[in-house]
C-alpha atoms as a PDB file:
ATOM      1  CA  MET A   1       8.209  -1.456 -51.884  1.00  0.00           C
ATOM      2  CA  ARG A   2       4.755  -2.773 -51.693  1.00  0.00           C
ATOM      3  CA  LEU A   3       5.840  -5.303 -54.070  1.00  0.00           C
ATOM      4  CA  LYS A   4       8.356  -7.046 -52.984  1.00  0.00           C
ATOM      5  CA  GLY A   5       9.189 -10.292 -53.150  1.00  0.00           C
ATOM      6  CA  LYS A   6       6.632 -10.651 -56.131  1.00  0.00           C
ATOM      7  CA  THR A   7       7.392 -11.266 -60.023  1.00  0.00           C
ATOM      8  CA  ALA A   8       4.743  -9.687 -62.539  1.00  0.00           C
ATOM      9  CA  ILE A   9       4.413 -10.448 -65.590  1.00  0.00           C
ATOM     10  CA  ILE A  10       3.421  -7.486 -68.296  1.00  0.00           C
ATOM     11  CA  THR A  11       2.545  -7.986 -71.433  1.00  0.00           C
ATOM     12  CA  GLY A  12       2.887  -4.611 -74.087  1.00  0.00           C
ATOM     13  CA  GLY A  13       5.012  -3.720 -71.863  1.00  0.00           C
ATOM     14  CA  ALA A  14       7.372  -1.874 -73.500  1.00  0.00           C
ATOM     15  CA  ASN A  15       5.334   1.286 -75.071  1.00  0.00           C
ATOM     16  CA  GLY A  16       2.244   3.609 -73.213  1.00  0.00           C
ATOM     17  CA  ILE A  17       0.695   2.426 -69.966  1.00  0.00           C
ATOM     18  CA  GLY A  18       2.721  -0.933 -70.076  1.00  0.00           C
ATOM     19  CA  LYS A  19       6.133   0.905 -69.839  1.00  0.00           C
ATOM     20  CA  ALA A  20       4.638   3.091 -67.238  1.00  0.00           C
ATOM     21  CA  THR A  21       3.555   0.414 -65.181  1.00  0.00           C
ATOM     22  CA  VAL A  22       6.775  -1.426 -65.917  1.00  0.00           C
ATOM     23  CA  GLU A  23       8.672   1.756 -63.964  1.00  0.00           C
ATOM     24  CA  LYS A  24       5.883   1.460 -61.387  1.00  0.00           C
ATOM     25  CA  PHE A  25       6.009  -1.515 -60.514  1.00  0.00           C
ATOM     26  CA  VAL A  26      10.012  -1.870 -60.502  1.00  0.00           C
ATOM     27  CA  ASN A  27       9.585   1.161 -57.895  1.00  0.00           C
ATOM     28  CA  GLU A  28       7.448  -0.649 -55.374  1.00  0.00           C
ATOM     29  CA  GLY A  29       9.949  -3.792 -55.287  1.00  0.00           C
ATOM     30  CA  ALA A  30       9.025  -5.928 -57.515  1.00  0.00           C
ATOM     31  CA  ALA A  31      10.785  -8.264 -60.153  1.00  0.00           C
ATOM     32  CA  VAL A  32       9.329  -7.572 -63.704  1.00  0.00           C
ATOM     33  CA  ALA A  33       9.163  -9.472 -67.264  1.00  0.00           C
ATOM     34  CA  ILE A  34       8.375  -7.378 -69.926  1.00  0.00           C
ATOM     35  CA  TRP A  35       6.737  -9.506 -72.644  1.00  0.00           C
ATOM     36  CA  ASP A  36       6.224  -7.243 -76.237  1.00  0.00           C
ATOM     37  CA  ILE A  37       6.401  -8.129 -79.920  1.00  0.00           C
ATOM     38  CA  SER A  38       8.480  -4.951 -79.754  1.00  0.00           C
ATOM     39  CA  ALA A  39      12.411  -6.192 -79.168  1.00  0.00           C
ATOM     40  CA  ASP A  40      14.204  -3.401 -79.578  1.00  0.00           C
ATOM     41  CA  LYS A  41      12.119  -0.967 -77.323  1.00  0.00           C
ATOM     42  CA  GLY A  42      11.617  -4.045 -74.742  1.00  0.00           C
ATOM     43  CA  GLN A  43      15.151  -4.691 -74.595  1.00  0.00           C
ATOM     44  CA  ALA A  44      16.096  -1.437 -74.149  1.00  0.00           C
ATOM     45  CA  LEU A  45      14.004  -0.620 -71.356  1.00  0.00           C
ATOM     46  CA  ALA A  46      15.325  -3.742 -69.837  1.00  0.00           C
ATOM     47  CA  ASP A  47      18.786  -2.615 -69.742  1.00  0.00           C
ATOM     48  CA  HIS A  48      17.880   0.742 -68.605  1.00  0.00           C
ATOM     49  CA  TYR A  49      16.199  -1.351 -65.678  1.00  0.00           C
ATOM     50  CA  VAL A  50      19.188  -4.093 -65.362  1.00  0.00           C
ATOM     51  CA  SER A  51      21.883  -1.333 -65.577  1.00  0.00           C
ATOM     52  CA  LYS A  52      20.565   0.631 -61.938  1.00  0.00           C
ATOM     53  CA  ASN A  53      21.147  -3.713 -60.295  1.00  0.00           C
ATOM     54  CA  LYS A  54      16.571  -3.756 -60.635  1.00  0.00           C
ATOM     55  CA  GLN A  55      14.974  -7.838 -61.868  1.00  0.00           C
ATOM     56  CA  VAL A  56      13.678  -6.903 -65.488  1.00  0.00           C
ATOM     57  CA  ARG A  57      14.025  -9.206 -68.256  1.00  0.00           C
ATOM     58  CA  PHE A  58      12.668  -8.575 -71.031  1.00  0.00           C
ATOM     59  CA  TYR A  59      10.678 -11.853 -73.201  1.00  0.00           C
ATOM     60  CA  ALA A  60       9.840 -11.382 -77.086  1.00  0.00           C
ATOM     61  CA  VAL A  61       6.199 -12.304 -76.655  1.00  0.00           C
ATOM     62  CA  ASP A  62       3.420 -12.393 -79.020  1.00  0.00           C
ATOM     63  CA  THR A  63       0.341 -12.776 -77.517  1.00  0.00           C
ATOM     64  CA  THR A  64      -1.649 -14.434 -79.964  1.00  0.00           C
ATOM     65  CA  ASP A  65       0.444 -17.141 -79.634  1.00  0.00           C
ATOM     66  CA  PRO A  66      -0.652 -19.849 -77.641  1.00  0.00           C
ATOM     67  CA  ASP A  67       2.251 -21.903 -77.515  1.00  0.00           C
ATOM     68  CA  ALA A  68       4.716 -19.024 -77.473  1.00  0.00           C
ATOM     69  CA  VAL A  69       2.614 -17.392 -74.579  1.00  0.00           C
ATOM     70  CA  THR A  70       3.295 -21.447 -72.827  1.00  0.00           C
ATOM     71  CA  ARG A  71       7.140 -21.427 -73.005  1.00  0.00           C
ATOM     72  CA  ALA A  72       7.606 -17.718 -72.036  1.00  0.00           C
ATOM     73  CA  ALA A  73       5.287 -18.659 -69.093  1.00  0.00           C
ATOM     74  CA  ALA A  74       7.512 -21.361 -68.414  1.00  0.00           C
ATOM     75  CA  LYS A  75      10.532 -19.622 -69.202  1.00  0.00           C
ATOM     76  CA  VAL A  76       9.838 -16.824 -66.583  1.00  0.00           C
ATOM     77  CA  ALA A  77       9.053 -19.173 -64.006  1.00  0.00           C
ATOM     78  CA  GLU A  78      12.432 -20.822 -64.604  1.00  0.00           C
ATOM     79  CA  ASP A  79      14.300 -17.506 -64.760  1.00  0.00           C
ATOM     80  CA  PHE A  80      12.560 -15.806 -61.514  1.00  0.00           C
ATOM     81  CA  GLY A  81      11.350 -19.213 -59.306  1.00  0.00           C
ATOM     82  CA  SER A  82       7.856 -18.227 -59.276  1.00  0.00           C
ATOM     83  CA  ILE A  83       4.942 -15.599 -61.318  1.00  0.00           C
ATOM     84  CA  HIS A  84       2.610 -13.457 -58.611  1.00  0.00           C
ATOM     85  CA  ILE A  85       1.049 -11.208 -60.876  1.00  0.00           C
ATOM     86  CA  LEU A  86      -0.227 -10.703 -64.722  1.00  0.00           C
ATOM     87  CA  ILE A  87      -0.829  -7.811 -66.283  1.00  0.00           C
ATOM     88  CA  ASN A  88      -2.932  -8.170 -69.453  1.00  0.00           C
ATOM     89  CA  ASN A  89      -1.745  -4.775 -70.590  1.00  0.00           C
ATOM     90  CA  ALA A  90      -1.457  -5.302 -74.456  1.00  0.00           C
ATOM     91  CA  GLY A  91      -3.540  -4.566 -77.199  1.00  0.00           C
ATOM     92  CA  ILE A  92      -3.991  -2.609 -80.304  1.00  0.00           C
ATOM     93  CA  THR A  93      -6.744  -0.867 -82.700  1.00  0.00           C
ATOM     94  CA  ARG A  94      -7.838  -0.946 -85.763  1.00  0.00           C
ATOM     95  CA  ASP A  95     -10.810   1.641 -85.994  1.00  0.00           C
ATOM     96  CA  ALA A  96     -13.287   1.978 -88.248  1.00  0.00           C
ATOM     97  CA  THR A  97     -17.218   2.251 -88.722  1.00  0.00           C
ATOM     98  CA  MET A  98     -18.992  -0.545 -89.488  1.00  0.00           C
ATOM     99  CA  LYS A  99     -19.592  -0.050 -92.892  1.00  0.00           C
ATOM    100  CA  LYS A 100     -15.538   0.098 -93.812  1.00  0.00           C
ATOM    101  CA  ILE A 101     -14.049  -1.854 -90.905  1.00  0.00           C
ATOM    102  CA  THR A 102     -12.723  -4.881 -92.769  1.00  0.00           C
ATOM    103  CA  GLN A 103     -11.781  -8.384 -91.852  1.00  0.00           C
ATOM    104  CA  GLU A 104      -8.630  -8.538 -91.201  1.00  0.00           C
ATOM    105  CA  GLN A 105      -9.597  -5.399 -88.997  1.00  0.00           C
ATOM    106  CA  TRP A 106     -11.755  -7.275 -86.695  1.00  0.00           C
ATOM    107  CA  ASP A 107      -9.523 -10.378 -86.527  1.00  0.00           C
ATOM    108  CA  GLN A 108      -6.599  -8.394 -85.861  1.00  0.00           C
ATOM    109  CA  VAL A 109      -8.008  -6.692 -82.882  1.00  0.00           C
ATOM    110  CA  ILE A 110      -9.802  -9.456 -81.736  1.00  0.00           C
ATOM    111  CA  ALA A 111      -6.060 -11.706 -81.592  1.00  0.00           C
ATOM    112  CA  VAL A 112      -4.587  -9.329 -79.729  1.00  0.00           C
ATOM    113  CA  ASN A 113      -6.752  -8.092 -77.151  1.00  0.00           C
ATOM    114  CA  LEU A 114      -9.323 -10.825 -76.372  1.00  0.00           C
ATOM    115  CA  SER A 115      -7.820 -14.438 -77.881  1.00  0.00           C
ATOM    116  CA  GLY A 116      -4.231 -12.660 -76.267  1.00  0.00           C
ATOM    117  CA  VAL A 117      -5.332 -11.956 -73.034  1.00  0.00           C
ATOM    118  CA  PHE A 118      -6.805 -15.722 -72.810  1.00  0.00           C
ATOM    119  CA  HIS A 119      -3.556 -17.322 -74.128  1.00  0.00           C
ATOM    120  CA  CYS A 120      -1.561 -15.460 -71.135  1.00  0.00           C
ATOM    121  CA  THR A 121      -4.664 -16.405 -68.310  1.00  0.00           C
ATOM    122  CA  LYS A 122      -4.982 -19.510 -69.181  1.00  0.00           C
ATOM    123  CA  ALA A 123      -1.187 -20.005 -69.709  1.00  0.00           C
ATOM    124  CA  LEU A 124      -0.423 -18.285 -66.254  1.00  0.00           C
ATOM    125  CA  GLY A 125      -2.879 -19.227 -63.962  1.00  0.00           C
ATOM    126  CA  PRO A 126      -0.928 -23.084 -62.241  1.00  0.00           C
ATOM    127  CA  TYR A 127       1.952 -20.490 -62.032  1.00  0.00           C
ATOM    128  CA  LEU A 128      -0.298 -17.944 -59.981  1.00  0.00           C
ATOM    129  CA  ILE A 129      -2.089 -20.615 -57.752  1.00  0.00           C
ATOM    130  CA  GLU A 130       1.370 -21.953 -57.175  1.00  0.00           C
ATOM    131  CA  SER A 131       2.091 -18.435 -55.545  1.00  0.00           C
ATOM    132  CA  GLY A 132      -0.711 -18.435 -53.398  1.00  0.00           C
ATOM    133  CA  ALA A 133      -1.936 -14.893 -53.877  1.00  0.00           C
ATOM    134  CA  GLY A 134      -1.968 -14.241 -57.177  1.00  0.00           C
ATOM    135  CA  ARG A 135      -3.298 -11.407 -59.142  1.00  0.00           C
ATOM    136  CA  ILE A 136      -4.641 -11.021 -62.609  1.00  0.00           C
ATOM    137  CA  LEU A 137      -5.095  -7.495 -63.659  1.00  0.00           C
ATOM    138  CA  THR A 138      -6.562  -7.505 -66.968  1.00  0.00           C
ATOM    139  CA  ALA A 139      -6.573  -3.337 -68.999  1.00  0.00           C
ATOM    140  CA  SER A 140      -9.860  -2.630 -70.035  1.00  0.00           C
ATOM    141  CA  SER A 141     -11.665   0.553 -70.880  1.00  0.00           C
ATOM    142  CA  ILE A 142     -14.662   2.912 -71.306  1.00  0.00           C
ATOM    143  CA  VAL A 143     -15.476   2.023 -74.590  1.00  0.00           C
ATOM    144  CA  GLY A 144     -15.930  -1.547 -73.267  1.00  0.00           C
ATOM    145  CA  LEU A 145     -18.608  -0.139 -71.134  1.00  0.00           C
ATOM    146  CA  THR A 146     -20.108   2.438 -73.265  1.00  0.00           C
ATOM    147  CA  GLY A 147     -19.533   2.705 -76.762  1.00  0.00           C
ATOM    148  CA  ASN A 148     -17.649   4.701 -79.111  1.00  0.00           C
ATOM    149  CA  PHE A 149     -18.341   5.409 -82.495  1.00  0.00           C
ATOM    150  CA  GLY A 150     -16.211   3.720 -85.287  1.00  0.00           C
ATOM    151  CA  GLN A 151     -14.932   0.942 -82.139  1.00  0.00           C
ATOM    152  CA  THR A 152     -17.175  -2.220 -82.836  1.00  0.00           C
ATOM    153  CA  ASN A 153     -14.143  -4.164 -82.408  1.00  0.00           C
ATOM    154  CA  TYR A 154     -12.378  -2.516 -79.925  1.00  0.00           C
ATOM    155  CA  ALA A 155     -15.522  -2.421 -77.758  1.00  0.00           C
ATOM    156  CA  ALA A 156     -16.173  -5.828 -78.269  1.00  0.00           C
ATOM    157  CA  THR A 157     -12.840  -7.206 -76.964  1.00  0.00           C
ATOM    158  CA  LYS A 158     -12.719  -4.641 -73.971  1.00  0.00           C
ATOM    159  CA  ALA A 159     -16.681  -5.591 -72.755  1.00  0.00           C
ATOM    160  CA  GLY A 160     -15.281  -9.448 -73.280  1.00  0.00           C
ATOM    161  CA  VAL A 161     -12.474  -9.436 -70.845  1.00  0.00           C
ATOM    162  CA  ILE A 162     -14.437  -8.089 -68.332  1.00  0.00           C
ATOM    163  CA  GLY A 163     -16.780 -10.969 -68.658  1.00  0.00           C
ATOM    164  CA  MET A 164     -13.988 -13.191 -68.840  1.00  0.00           C
ATOM    165  CA  SER A 165     -12.139 -11.493 -65.606  1.00  0.00           C
ATOM    166  CA  ASN A 166     -15.315 -11.853 -63.681  1.00  0.00           C
ATOM    167  CA  VAL A 167     -15.756 -16.125 -64.817  1.00  0.00           C
ATOM    168  CA  TRP A 168     -11.890 -15.944 -63.300  1.00  0.00           C
ATOM    169  CA  ALA A 169     -12.900 -14.149 -60.068  1.00  0.00           C
ATOM    170  CA  ARG A 170     -15.045 -16.564 -59.463  1.00  0.00           C
ATOM    171  CA  GLU A 171     -12.983 -20.106 -61.004  1.00  0.00           C
ATOM    172  CA  TYR A 172      -9.653 -18.716 -59.203  1.00  0.00           C
ATOM    173  CA  GLY A 173     -10.962 -16.799 -56.438  1.00  0.00           C
ATOM    174  CA  PRO A 174     -11.275 -20.198 -54.323  1.00  0.00           C
ATOM    175  CA  LYS A 175      -7.481 -20.699 -54.860  1.00  0.00           C
ATOM    176  CA  GLY A 176      -6.035 -17.774 -53.882  1.00  0.00           C
ATOM    177  CA  VAL A 177      -6.319 -15.888 -57.023  1.00  0.00           C
ATOM    178  CA  THR A 178      -8.160 -12.857 -57.572  1.00  0.00           C
ATOM    179  CA  SER A 179      -8.961 -11.137 -61.217  1.00  0.00           C
ATOM    180  CA  ASN A 180      -9.982  -7.639 -61.561  1.00  0.00           C
ATOM    181  CA  ILE A 181      -9.856  -4.809 -64.640  1.00  0.00           C
ATOM    182  CA  VAL A 182      -9.016  -1.374 -64.949  1.00  0.00           C
ATOM    183  CA  ALA A 183     -10.765   0.533 -67.295  1.00  0.00           C
ATOM    184  CA  PRO A 184      -9.087   4.001 -68.748  1.00  0.00           C
ATOM    185  CA  GLY A 185     -10.536   6.899 -70.195  1.00  0.00           C
ATOM    186  CA  PHE A 186      -8.519   9.143 -72.497  1.00  0.00           C
ATOM    187  CA  ILE A 187      -4.743   8.618 -71.900  1.00  0.00           C
ATOM    188  CA  ALA A 188      -2.063  10.518 -73.094  1.00  0.00           C
ATOM    189  CA  THR A 189       0.486   8.120 -74.575  1.00  0.00           C
ATOM    190  CA  GLU A 190       1.850   7.989 -77.520  1.00  0.00           C
ATOM    191  CA  MET A 191      -0.992   7.056 -79.834  1.00  0.00           C
ATOM    192  CA  MET A 192      -2.612  10.096 -79.197  1.00  0.00           C
ATOM    193  CA  GLU A 193       0.323  11.861 -81.037  1.00  0.00           C
ATOM    194  CA  THR A 194      -1.464  10.599 -84.553  1.00  0.00           C
ATOM    195  CA  ILE A 195      -4.912  11.950 -83.490  1.00  0.00           C
ATOM    196  CA  PRO A 196      -6.067  15.941 -84.564  1.00  0.00           C
ATOM    197  CA  GLU A 197      -5.715  18.976 -81.435  1.00  0.00           C
ATOM    198  CA  LYS A 198      -9.186  19.160 -82.026  1.00  0.00           C
ATOM    199  CA  VAL A 199     -10.217  15.621 -80.943  1.00  0.00           C
ATOM    200  CA  LEU A 200      -7.894  15.606 -78.246  1.00  0.00           C
ATOM    201  CA  ASP A 201     -10.183  18.754 -77.259  1.00  0.00           C
ATOM    202  CA  SER A 202     -13.095  16.713 -77.374  1.00  0.00           C
ATOM    203  CA  PHE A 203     -11.953  14.507 -75.042  1.00  0.00           C
ATOM    204  CA  ARG A 204     -10.775  16.830 -72.605  1.00  0.00           C
ATOM    205  CA  ASP A 205     -13.917  18.423 -72.879  1.00  0.00           C
ATOM    206  CA  ARG A 206     -15.679  15.075 -72.012  1.00  0.00           C
ATOM    207  CA  THR A 207     -13.703  14.569 -68.595  1.00  0.00           C
ATOM    208  CA  PRO A 208     -15.025  16.013 -66.011  1.00  0.00           C
ATOM    209  CA  LEU A 209     -11.211  16.626 -64.744  1.00  0.00           C
ATOM    210  CA  GLY A 210     -11.228  18.308 -67.803  1.00  0.00           C
ATOM    211  CA  ARG A 211      -8.014  16.853 -68.956  1.00  0.00           C
ATOM    212  CA  MET A 212      -6.498  13.369 -70.331  1.00  0.00           C
ATOM    213  CA  GLY A 213      -4.989  11.388 -67.655  1.00  0.00           C
ATOM    214  CA  THR A 214      -1.179   9.778 -67.540  1.00  0.00           C
ATOM    215  CA  PRO A 215       0.057   6.827 -68.421  1.00  0.00           C
ATOM    216  CA  ALA A 216       1.644   6.839 -64.586  1.00  0.00           C
ATOM    217  CA  GLU A 217      -2.633   7.284 -63.191  1.00  0.00           C
ATOM    218  CA  ILE A 218      -3.424   3.758 -64.857  1.00  0.00           C
ATOM    219  CA  ALA A 219      -0.110   1.964 -63.275  1.00  0.00           C
ATOM    220  CA  ASN A 220      -0.791   3.519 -60.394  1.00  0.00           C
ATOM    221  CA  ALA A 221      -3.820   1.859 -60.531  1.00  0.00           C
ATOM    222  CA  TYR A 222      -2.907  -1.583 -61.576  1.00  0.00           C
ATOM    223  CA  ALA A 223       0.323  -1.310 -58.606  1.00  0.00           C
ATOM    224  CA  PHE A 224      -2.900  -0.815 -55.574  1.00  0.00           C
ATOM    225  CA  LEU A 225      -4.746  -3.780 -56.669  1.00  0.00           C
ATOM    226  CA  ALA A 226      -1.863  -5.667 -56.924  1.00  0.00           C
ATOM    227  CA  SER A 227      -0.548  -4.836 -53.570  1.00  0.00           C
ATOM    228  CA  ASP A 228      -1.476  -7.061 -50.564  1.00  0.00           C
ATOM    229  CA  GLU A 229      -3.839  -4.230 -49.272  1.00  0.00           C
ATOM    230  CA  ALA A 230      -6.527  -5.218 -52.589  1.00  0.00           C
ATOM    231  CA  ALA A 231      -6.554  -8.603 -51.363  1.00  0.00           C
ATOM    232  CA  PHE A 232     -10.271  -8.574 -50.909  1.00  0.00           C
ATOM    233  CA  ILE A 233     -11.239  -7.145 -54.178  1.00  0.00           C
ATOM    234  CA  ASN A 234     -12.061  -9.834 -57.121  1.00  0.00           C
ATOM    235  CA  GLY A 235     -14.389  -9.297 -59.555  1.00  0.00           C
ATOM    236  CA  ALA A 236     -14.681  -5.436 -59.776  1.00  0.00           C
ATOM    237  CA  THR A 237     -14.216  -2.939 -62.683  1.00  0.00           C
ATOM    238  CA  LEU A 238     -12.030   0.250 -61.542  1.00  0.00           C
ATOM    239  CA  SER A 239     -12.297   2.990 -64.368  1.00  0.00           C
ATOM    240  CA  VAL A 240      -9.369   5.178 -64.187  1.00  0.00           C
ATOM    241  CA  ASP A 241     -11.356   8.125 -66.288  1.00  0.00           C
ATOM    242  CA  GLY A 242     -11.308  11.479 -64.523  1.00  0.00           C
ATOM    243  CA  GLY A 243     -15.396  10.722 -64.759  1.00  0.00           C
ATOM    244  CA  VAL A 244     -15.801  10.886 -68.237  1.00  0.00           C
ATOM    245  CA  ILE A 245     -17.838   7.709 -67.399  1.00  0.00           C
ATOM    246  CA  LEU A 246     -20.415   9.501 -65.423  1.00  0.00           C
END
């Protein structure tokens, strides 16, 4: 119960890594606010935990809308009393080579993966400071460190959030708030189900451990960095990738 007494906001919490993070944080004793645009899935997930007498609520939030984010932050503070942890997990892909990528594909990924992270952190910053020991945790990717064919937009955002997180480590650190990055490798989420098996095999071959990671393994990293055990970790990028970055 490393997170007992803490309230966490998890963006993109209705699916994949976000959903696994909700489960991990609930099991660690945290109260959880799920932010997502998938209202049906998000509410169903919250209802599941409420039925087990857990403190979980769903909020339909479009993180690309700064006004909506500000309102949602205030509502979470009202509902839970305080906010200790922000998990900037929401993200999308719109892959295409530079020759084929459209302005719309570029704008969509930038809006969610980069601007959305900015909006959430700006809105939640004062609440995290007020909590006395806040945590900002942001999802990057190995793609943000190495690049990847056909992912100019995605790589730009995942490199960008590393830069932003490092700035926040400097700005918020003196106020008692840490800011860190988790950079997953190839993770077996629902998104991977549409990818041909031969491509998935190539992902496994590129990973020294010989397999893809699980959403739960990323959630474990989030939980550690959110806990008091990680109180002196600030401005770090933790690669959770089975060694593929080597």
